[in-house]
PDB file of N, CA and C in Angstrom:
ATOM      1  N   MET A   1       0.758  12.080   3.374  1.00  0.00           N
ATOM      2  CA  MET A   1       0.765  10.682   3.070  1.00  0.00           C
ATOM      3  C   MET A   1      -0.417  10.026   3.743  1.00  0.00           C
ATOM      4  N   PRO A   2      -1.466   9.795   3.024  1.00  0.00           N
ATOM      5  CA  PRO A   2      -2.650   9.175   3.617  1.00  0.00           C
ATOM      6  C   PRO A   2      -2.412   7.711   3.991  1.00  0.00           C
ATOM      7  N   THR A   3      -2.781   7.382   5.206  1.00  0.00           N
ATOM      8  CA  THR A   3      -2.788   5.987   5.629  1.00  0.00           C
ATOM      9  C   THR A   3      -4.103   5.394   5.150  1.00  0.00           C
ATOM     10  N   ILE A   4      -4.015   4.360   4.335  1.00  0.00           N
ATOM     11  CA  ILE A   4      -5.242   3.773   3.803  1.00  0.00           C
ATOM     12  C   ILE A   4      -5.662   2.523   4.555  1.00  0.00           C
ATOM     13  N   ALA A   5      -4.724   1.934   5.325  1.00  0.00           N
ATOM     14  CA  ALA A   5      -5.057   0.736   6.098  1.00  0.00           C
ATOM     15  C   ALA A   5      -3.936   0.436   7.087  1.00  0.00           C
ATOM     16  N   ILE A   6      -4.287  -0.353   8.076  1.00  0.00           N
ATOM     17  CA  ILE A   6      -3.295  -0.973   8.947  1.00  0.00           C
ATOM     18  C   ILE A   6      -3.607  -2.462   8.920  1.00  0.00           C
ATOM     19  N   VAL A   7      -2.647  -3.234   8.447  1.00  0.00           N
ATOM     20  CA  VAL A   7      -2.836  -4.668   8.231  1.00  0.00           C
ATOM     21  C   VAL A   7      -1.789  -5.428   9.047  1.00  0.00           C
ATOM     22  N   ASN A   8      -2.246  -6.205  10.013  1.00  0.00           N
ATOM     23  CA  ASN A   8      -1.336  -7.007  10.821  1.00  0.00           C
ATOM     24  C   ASN A   8      -0.226  -6.139  11.422  1.00  0.00           C
ATOM     25  N   GLY A   9      -0.586  -4.924  11.833  1.00  0.00           N
ATOM     26  CA  GLY A   9       0.372  -4.014  12.439  1.00  0.00           C
ATOM     27  C   GLY A   9       1.209  -3.216  11.463  1.00  0.00           C
ATOM     28  N   VAL A  10       1.021  -3.417  10.173  1.00  0.00           N
ATOM     29  CA  VAL A  10       1.785  -2.720   9.141  1.00  0.00           C
ATOM     30  C   VAL A  10       0.917  -1.583   8.588  1.00  0.00           C
ATOM     31  N   ARG A  11       1.480  -0.378   8.588  1.00  0.00           N
ATOM     32  CA  ARG A  11       0.745   0.771   8.058  1.00  0.00           C
ATOM     33  C   ARG A  11       0.911   0.823   6.544  1.00  0.00           C
ATOM     34  N   ILE A  12      -0.215   0.934   5.832  1.00  0.00           N
ATOM     35  CA  ILE A  12      -0.234   0.994   4.373  1.00  0.00           C
ATOM     36  C   ILE A  12      -0.547   2.441   3.980  1.00  0.00           C
ATOM     37  N   VAL A  13       0.354   3.051   3.220  1.00  0.00           N
ATOM     38  CA  VAL A  13       0.184   4.454   2.840  1.00  0.00           C
ATOM     39  C   VAL A  13       0.379   4.625   1.338  1.00  0.00           C
ATOM     40  N   MET A  14      -0.220   5.692   0.828  1.00  0.00           N
ATOM     41  CA  MET A  14       0.018   6.152  -0.541  1.00  0.00           C
ATOM     42  C   MET A  14       0.363   7.626  -0.446  1.00  0.00           C
ATOM     43  N   TYR A  15       1.375   8.030  -1.196  1.00  0.00           N
ATOM     44  CA  TYR A  15       1.817   9.423  -1.172  1.00  0.00           C
ATOM     45  C   TYR A  15       1.124  10.219  -2.271  1.00  0.00           C
ATOM     46  N   TRP A  16       0.817  11.475  -1.977  1.00  0.00           N
ATOM     47  CA  TRP A  16       0.229  12.373  -2.967  1.00  0.00           C
ATOM     48  C   TRP A  16       1.196  12.519  -4.132  1.00  0.00           C
ATOM     49  N   ASN A  17       0.664  12.485  -5.349  1.00  0.00           N
ATOM     50  CA  ASN A  17       1.464  12.699  -6.565  1.00  0.00           C
ATOM     51  C   ASN A  17       2.708  11.837  -6.633  1.00  0.00           C
ATOM     52  N   ASP A  18       2.615  10.588  -6.198  1.00  0.00           N
ATOM     53  CA  ASP A  18       3.740   9.659  -6.282  1.00  0.00           C
ATOM     54  C   ASP A  18       3.878   9.170  -7.728  1.00  0.00           C
ATOM     55  N   HIS A  19       4.998   8.576  -8.040  1.00  0.00           N
ATOM     56  CA  HIS A  19       5.297   8.116  -9.401  1.00  0.00           C
ATOM     57  C   HIS A  19       4.516   6.835  -9.742  1.00  0.00           C
ATOM     58  N   ALA A  20       4.332   6.630 -11.038  1.00  0.00           N
ATOM     59  CA  ALA A  20       3.736   5.381 -11.522  1.00  0.00           C
ATOM     60  C   ALA A  20       4.826   4.310 -11.498  1.00  0.00           C
ATOM     61  N   PRO A  21       4.459   3.053 -11.517  1.00  0.00           N
ATOM     62  CA  PRO A  21       3.132   2.463 -11.555  1.00  0.00           C
ATOM     63  C   PRO A  21       2.435   2.536 -10.198  1.00  0.00           C
ATOM     64  N   ALA A  22       1.147   2.228 -10.202  1.00  0.00           N
ATOM     65  CA  ALA A  22       0.344   2.301  -8.977  1.00  0.00           C
ATOM     66  C   ALA A  22       0.940   1.379  -7.916  1.00  0.00           C
ATOM     67  N   HIS A  23       1.181   1.933  -6.740  1.00  0.00           N
ATOM     68  CA  HIS A  23       1.813   1.174  -5.673  1.00  0.00           C
ATOM     69  C   HIS A  23       1.459   1.764  -4.318  1.00  0.00           C
ATOM     70  N   PHE A  24       1.845   1.050  -3.267  1.00  0.00           N
ATOM     71  CA  PHE A  24       1.686   1.567  -1.914  1.00  0.00           C
ATOM     72  C   PHE A  24       2.960   1.283  -1.134  1.00  0.00           C
ATOM     73  N   HIS A  25       3.080   1.950  -0.019  1.00  0.00           N
ATOM     74  CA  HIS A  25       4.220   1.784   0.865  1.00  0.00           C
ATOM     75  C   HIS A  25       3.734   1.067   2.117  1.00  0.00           C
ATOM     76  N   ALA A  26       4.479   0.063   2.548  1.00  0.00           N
ATOM     77  CA  ALA A  26       4.160  -0.682   3.762  1.00  0.00           C
ATOM     78  C   ALA A  26       5.216  -0.331   4.802  1.00  0.00           C
ATOM     79  N   LEU A  27       4.783   0.188   5.950  1.00  0.00           N
ATOM     80  CA  LEU A  27       5.691   0.703   6.968  1.00  0.00           C
ATOM     81  C   LEU A  27       5.498  -0.048   8.277  1.00  0.00           C
ATOM     82  N   LEU A  28       6.593  -0.546   8.832  1.00  0.00           N
ATOM     83  CA  LEU A  28       6.563  -1.269  10.094  1.00  0.00           C
ATOM     84  C   LEU A  28       7.869  -0.986  10.826  1.00  0.00           C
ATOM     85  N   ALA A  29       7.800  -0.181  11.888  1.00  0.00           N
ATOM     86  CA  ALA A  29       8.996   0.178  12.654  1.00  0.00           C
ATOM     87  C   ALA A  29      10.083   0.645  11.692  1.00  0.00           C
ATOM     88  N   GLU A  30      11.240  -0.023  11.703  1.00  0.00           N
ATOM     89  CA  GLU A  30      12.340   0.402  10.824  1.00  0.00           C
ATOM     90  C   GLU A  30      12.249  -0.214   9.429  1.00  0.00           C
ATOM     91  N   HIS A  31      11.252  -1.021   9.168  1.00  0.00           N
ATOM     92  CA  HIS A  31      11.105  -1.695   7.876  1.00  0.00           C
ATOM     93  C   HIS A  31      10.194  -0.903   6.944  1.00  0.00           C
ATOM     94  N   ARG A  32      10.572  -0.895   5.688  1.00  0.00           N
ATOM     95  CA  ARG A  32       9.802  -0.208   4.653  1.00  0.00           C
ATOM     96  C   ARG A  32       9.811  -1.071   3.401  1.00  0.00           C
ATOM     97  N   ALA A  33       8.675  -1.142   2.717  1.00  0.00           N
ATOM     98  CA  ALA A  33       8.619  -1.839   1.428  1.00  0.00           C
ATOM     99  C   ALA A  33       7.717  -1.060   0.494  1.00  0.00           C
ATOM    100  N   VAL A  34       8.065  -1.085  -0.779  1.00  0.00           N
ATOM    101  CA  VAL A  34       7.232  -0.500  -1.830  1.00  0.00           C
ATOM    102  C   VAL A  34       6.675  -1.661  -2.632  1.00  0.00           C
ATOM    103  N   ILE A  35       5.330  -1.695  -2.732  1.00  0.00           N
ATOM    104  CA  ILE A  35       4.656  -2.833  -3.354  1.00  0.00           C
ATOM    105  C   ILE A  35       3.682  -2.322  -4.406  1.00  0.00           C
ATOM    106  N   GLU A  36       3.857  -2.795  -5.640  1.00  0.00           N
ATOM    107  CA  GLU A  36       2.896  -2.443  -6.680  1.00  0.00           C
ATOM    108  C   GLU A  36       1.561  -3.084  -6.334  1.00  0.00           C
ATOM    109  N   ILE A  37       0.489  -2.466  -6.768  1.00  0.00           N
ATOM    110  CA  ILE A  37      -0.841  -2.956  -6.427  1.00  0.00           C
ATOM    111  C   ILE A  37      -1.057  -4.386  -6.920  1.00  0.00           C
ATOM    112  N   ASP A  38      -0.381  -4.763  -8.001  1.00  0.00           N
ATOM    113  CA  ASP A  38      -0.528  -6.146  -8.486  1.00  0.00           C
ATOM    114  C   ASP A  38       0.274  -7.152  -7.665  1.00  0.00           C
ATOM    115  N   GLY A  39       1.005  -6.684  -6.628  1.00  0.00           N
ATOM    116  CA  GLY A  39       1.677  -7.589  -5.710  1.00  0.00           C
ATOM    117  C   GLY A  39       3.182  -7.707  -5.887  1.00  0.00           C
ATOM    118  N   LEU A  40       3.764  -7.008  -6.839  1.00  0.00           N
ATOM    119  CA  LEU A  40       5.205  -7.058  -7.051  1.00  0.00           C
ATOM    120  C   LEU A  40       5.905  -6.161  -6.028  1.00  0.00           C
ATOM    121  N   VAL A  41       6.813  -6.721  -5.257  1.00  0.00           N
ATOM    122  CA  VAL A  41       7.603  -5.928  -4.308  1.00  0.00           C
ATOM    123  C   VAL A  41       8.742  -5.304  -5.092  1.00  0.00           C
ATOM    124  N   VAL A  42       8.779  -3.972  -5.155  1.00  0.00           N
ATOM    125  CA  VAL A  42       9.774  -3.292  -5.977  1.00  0.00           C
ATOM    126  C   VAL A  42      10.901  -2.668  -5.167  1.00  0.00           C
ATOM    127  N   GLY A  43      10.783  -2.703  -3.854  1.00  0.00           N
ATOM    128  CA  GLY A  43      11.864  -2.161  -3.050  1.00  0.00           C
ATOM    129  C   GLY A  43      11.619  -2.359  -1.575  1.00  0.00           C
ATOM    130  N   GLY A  44      12.687  -2.302  -0.822  1.00  0.00           N
ATOM    131  CA  GLY A  44      12.587  -2.365   0.614  1.00  0.00           C
ATOM    132  C   GLY A  44      12.467  -3.783   1.143  1.00  0.00           C
ATOM    133  N   TYR A  45      12.057  -3.863   2.413  1.00  0.00           N
ATOM    134  CA  TYR A  45      12.011  -5.147   3.098  1.00  0.00           C
ATOM    135  C   TYR A  45      10.958  -5.120   4.192  1.00  0.00           C
ATOM    136  N   LEU A  46      10.242  -6.223   4.329  1.00  0.00           N
ATOM    137  CA  LEU A  46       9.375  -6.506   5.474  1.00  0.00           C
ATOM    138  C   LEU A  46       9.667  -7.936   5.908  1.00  0.00           C
ATOM    139  N   PRO A  47       9.518  -8.241   7.188  1.00  0.00           N
ATOM    140  CA  PRO A  47       9.649  -9.638   7.596  1.00  0.00           C
ATOM    141  C   PRO A  47       8.684 -10.512   6.790  1.00  0.00           C
ATOM    142  N   LYS A  48       9.115 -11.740   6.484  1.00  0.00           N
ATOM    143  CA  LYS A  48       8.348 -12.622   5.588  1.00  0.00           C
ATOM    144  C   LYS A  48       6.892 -12.794   6.010  1.00  0.00           C
ATOM    145  N   HIS A  49       6.643 -13.037   7.293  1.00  0.00           N
ATOM    146  CA  HIS A  49       5.258 -13.282   7.717  1.00  0.00           C
ATOM    147  C   HIS A  49       4.399 -12.028   7.563  1.00  0.00           C
ATOM    148  N   LYS A  50       4.982 -10.862   7.757  1.00  0.00           N
ATOM    149  CA  LYS A  50       4.233  -9.609   7.547  1.00  0.00           C
ATOM    150  C   LYS A  50       3.992  -9.390   6.058  1.00  0.00           C
ATOM    151  N   LEU A  51       5.023  -9.622   5.238  1.00  0.00           N
ATOM    152  CA  LEU A  51       4.882  -9.435   3.797  1.00  0.00           C
ATOM    153  C   LEU A  51       3.808 -10.360   3.233  1.00  0.00           C
ATOM    154  N   ARG A  52       3.792 -11.613   3.668  1.00  0.00           N
ATOM    155  CA  ARG A  52       2.759 -12.552   3.189  1.00  0.00           C
ATOM    156  C   ARG A  52       1.361 -12.028   3.491  1.00  0.00           C
ATOM    157  N   SER A  53       1.155 -11.506   4.703  1.00  0.00           N
ATOM    158  CA  SER A  53      -0.188 -11.026   5.048  1.00  0.00           C
ATOM    159  C   SER A  53      -0.546  -9.778   4.243  1.00  0.00           C
ATOM    160  N   ILE A  54       0.419  -8.916   3.957  1.00  0.00           N
ATOM    161  CA  ILE A  54       0.160  -7.719   3.152  1.00  0.00           C
ATOM    162  C   ILE A  54      -0.199  -8.116   1.717  1.00  0.00           C
ATOM    163  N   LEU A  55       0.554  -9.045   1.143  1.00  0.00           N
ATOM    164  CA  LEU A  55       0.275  -9.472  -0.234  1.00  0.00           C
ATOM    165  C   LEU A  55      -1.087 -10.150  -0.340  1.00  0.00           C
ATOM    166  N   LYS A  56      -1.443 -10.951   0.638  1.00  0.00           N
ATOM    167  CA  LYS A  56      -2.762 -11.598   0.638  1.00  0.00           C
ATOM    168  C   LYS A  56      -3.867 -10.547   0.757  1.00  0.00           C
ATOM    169  N   TRP A  57      -3.678  -9.576   1.644  1.00  0.00           N
ATOM    170  CA  TRP A  57      -4.641  -8.497   1.829  1.00  0.00           C
ATOM    171  C   TRP A  57      -4.812  -7.726   0.516  1.00  0.00           C
ATOM    172  N   ALA A  58      -3.689  -7.359  -0.107  1.00  0.00           N
ATOM    173  CA  ALA A  58      -3.741  -6.555  -1.336  1.00  0.00           C
ATOM    174  C   ALA A  58      -4.390  -7.326  -2.489  1.00  0.00           C
ATOM    175  N   ALA A  59      -4.125  -8.617  -2.585  1.00  0.00           N
ATOM    176  CA  ALA A  59      -4.683  -9.416  -3.677  1.00  0.00           C
ATOM    177  C   ALA A  59      -6.201  -9.421  -3.652  1.00  0.00           C
ATOM    178  N   SER A  60      -6.780  -9.349  -2.476  1.00  0.00           N
ATOM    179  CA  SER A  60      -8.237  -9.391  -2.374  1.00  0.00           C
ATOM    180  C   SER A  60      -8.877  -8.005  -2.414  1.00  0.00           C
ATOM    181  N   ARG A  61      -8.060  -6.973  -2.606  1.00  0.00           N
ATOM    182  CA  ARG A  61      -8.577  -5.599  -2.596  1.00  0.00           C
ATOM    183  C   ARG A  61      -8.062  -4.769  -3.775  1.00  0.00           C
ATOM    184  N   GLN A  62      -7.855  -5.412  -4.894  1.00  0.00           N
ATOM    185  CA  GLN A  62      -7.302  -4.740  -6.065  1.00  0.00           C
ATOM    186  C   GLN A  62      -8.115  -3.512  -6.489  1.00  0.00           C
ATOM    187  N   ASP A  63      -9.425  -3.665  -6.607  1.00  0.00           N
ATOM    188  CA  ASP A  63     -10.261  -2.547  -7.059  1.00  0.00           C
ATOM    189  C   ASP A  63     -10.178  -1.374  -6.086  1.00  0.00           C
ATOM    190  N   ALA A  64     -10.258  -1.656  -4.807  1.00  0.00           N
ATOM    191  CA  ALA A  64     -10.198  -0.593  -3.799  1.00  0.00           C
ATOM    192  C   ALA A  64      -8.831   0.091  -3.798  1.00  0.00           C
ATOM    193  N   LEU A  65      -7.767  -0.677  -3.979  1.00  0.00           N
ATOM    194  CA  LEU A  65      -6.426  -0.078  -4.032  1.00  0.00           C
ATOM    195  C   LEU A  65      -6.257   0.809  -5.260  1.00  0.00           C
ATOM    196  N   HIS A  66      -6.762   0.359  -6.400  1.00  0.00           N
ATOM    197  CA  HIS A  66      -6.683   1.201  -7.603  1.00  0.00           C
ATOM    198  C   HIS A  66      -7.496   2.485  -7.426  1.00  0.00           C
ATOM    199  N   ALA A  67      -8.668   2.398  -6.815  1.00  0.00           N
ATOM    200  CA  ALA A  67      -9.474   3.595  -6.564  1.00  0.00           C
ATOM    201  C   ALA A  67      -8.746   4.538  -5.615  1.00  0.00           C
ATOM    202  N   ALA A  68      -8.130   4.001  -4.578  1.00  0.00           N
ATOM    203  CA  ALA A  68      -7.369   4.836  -3.644  1.00  0.00           C
ATOM    204  C   ALA A  68      -6.196   5.501  -4.357  1.00  0.00           C
ATOM    205  N   TRP A  69      -5.530   4.768  -5.251  1.00  0.00           N
ATOM    206  CA  TRP A  69      -4.415   5.331  -6.018  1.00  0.00           C
ATOM    207  C   TRP A  69      -4.896   6.508  -6.885  1.00  0.00           C
ATOM    208  N   ARG A  70      -5.992   6.298  -7.602  1.00  0.00           N
ATOM    209  CA  ARG A  70      -6.516   7.372  -8.454  1.00  0.00           C
ATOM    210  C   ARG A  70      -6.892   8.593  -7.621  1.00  0.00           C
ATOM    211  N   ASN A  71      -7.549   8.380  -6.502  1.00  0.00           N
ATOM    212  CA  ASN A  71      -7.933   9.507  -5.643  1.00  0.00           C
ATOM    213  C   ASN A  71      -6.717  10.227  -5.084  1.00  0.00           C
ATOM    214  N   THR A  72      -5.755   9.477  -4.612  1.00  0.00           N
ATOM    215  CA  THR A  72      -4.559  10.088  -4.045  1.00  0.00           C
ATOM    216  C   THR A  72      -3.816  10.900  -5.100  1.00  0.00           C
ATOM    217  N   GLN A  73      -3.682  10.367  -6.294  1.00  0.00           N
ATOM    218  CA  GLN A  73      -2.972  11.081  -7.358  1.00  0.00           C
ATOM    219  C   GLN A  73      -3.721  12.322  -7.821  1.00  0.00           C
ATOM    220  N   ALA A  74      -5.027  12.338  -7.645  1.00  0.00           N
ATOM    221  CA  ALA A  74      -5.842  13.520  -7.992  1.00  0.00           C
ATOM    222  C   ALA A  74      -5.987  14.464  -6.794  1.00  0.00           C
ATOM    223  N   LEU A  75      -5.212  14.197  -5.726  1.00  0.00           N
ATOM    224  CA  LEU A  75      -5.235  15.010  -4.513  1.00  0.00           C
ATOM    225  C   LEU A  75      -6.595  15.025  -3.832  1.00  0.00           C
ATOM    226  N   ARG A  76      -7.317  13.918  -3.995  1.00  0.00           N
ATOM    227  CA  ARG A  76      -8.609  13.739  -3.309  1.00  0.00           C
ATOM    228  C   ARG A  76      -8.392  12.770  -2.144  1.00  0.00           C
ATOM    229  N   PRO A  77      -9.255  12.808  -1.153  1.00  0.00           N
ATOM    230  CA  PRO A  77      -9.135  11.845  -0.046  1.00  0.00           C
ATOM    231  C   PRO A  77      -9.195  10.418  -0.558  1.00  0.00           C
ATOM    232  N   SER A  78      -8.299   9.610  -0.078  1.00  0.00           N
ATOM    233  CA  SER A  78      -8.244   8.225  -0.537  1.00  0.00           C
ATOM    234  C   SER A  78      -9.177   7.310   0.229  1.00  0.00           C
ATOM    235  N   GLY A  79      -9.566   7.726   1.420  1.00  0.00           N
ATOM    236  CA  GLY A  79     -10.403   6.870   2.250  1.00  0.00           C
ATOM    237  C   GLY A  79      -9.565   5.749   2.858  1.00  0.00           C
ATOM    238  N   THR A  80     -10.233   4.863   3.530  1.00  0.00           N
ATOM    239  CA  THR A  80      -9.540   3.714   4.124  1.00  0.00           C
ATOM    240  C   THR A  80     -10.080   2.432   3.510  1.00  0.00           C
ATOM    241  N   ILE A  81      -9.259   1.404   3.579  1.00  0.00           N
ATOM    242  CA  ILE A  81      -9.617   0.108   3.044  1.00  0.00           C
ATOM    243  C   ILE A  81      -9.570  -0.894   4.173  1.00  0.00           C
ATOM    244  N   GLU A  82     -10.648  -1.606   4.374  1.00  0.00           N
ATOM    245  CA  GLU A  82     -10.698  -2.619   5.447  1.00  0.00           C
ATOM    246  C   GLU A  82      -9.981  -3.876   5.053  1.00  0.00           C
TER     247      GLU A  82
END
């Protein structure tokens, strides 16, 4: 599970050969959320202030997140996203 970023203390990961649609997992202590790259939260929970910062971060990095998704699904290094 490549970590592609750490945003406001939340680890952002994408799993190899994960299911569509394109999404990432946000991990913080006991909290977990699954977020589609377009910003739809499809499962789990993060505290509101953390979720807001993750959604804002993701909205400004759509192209990079899609590239990381394609690389991860092709079993290539995803790199990191600032």
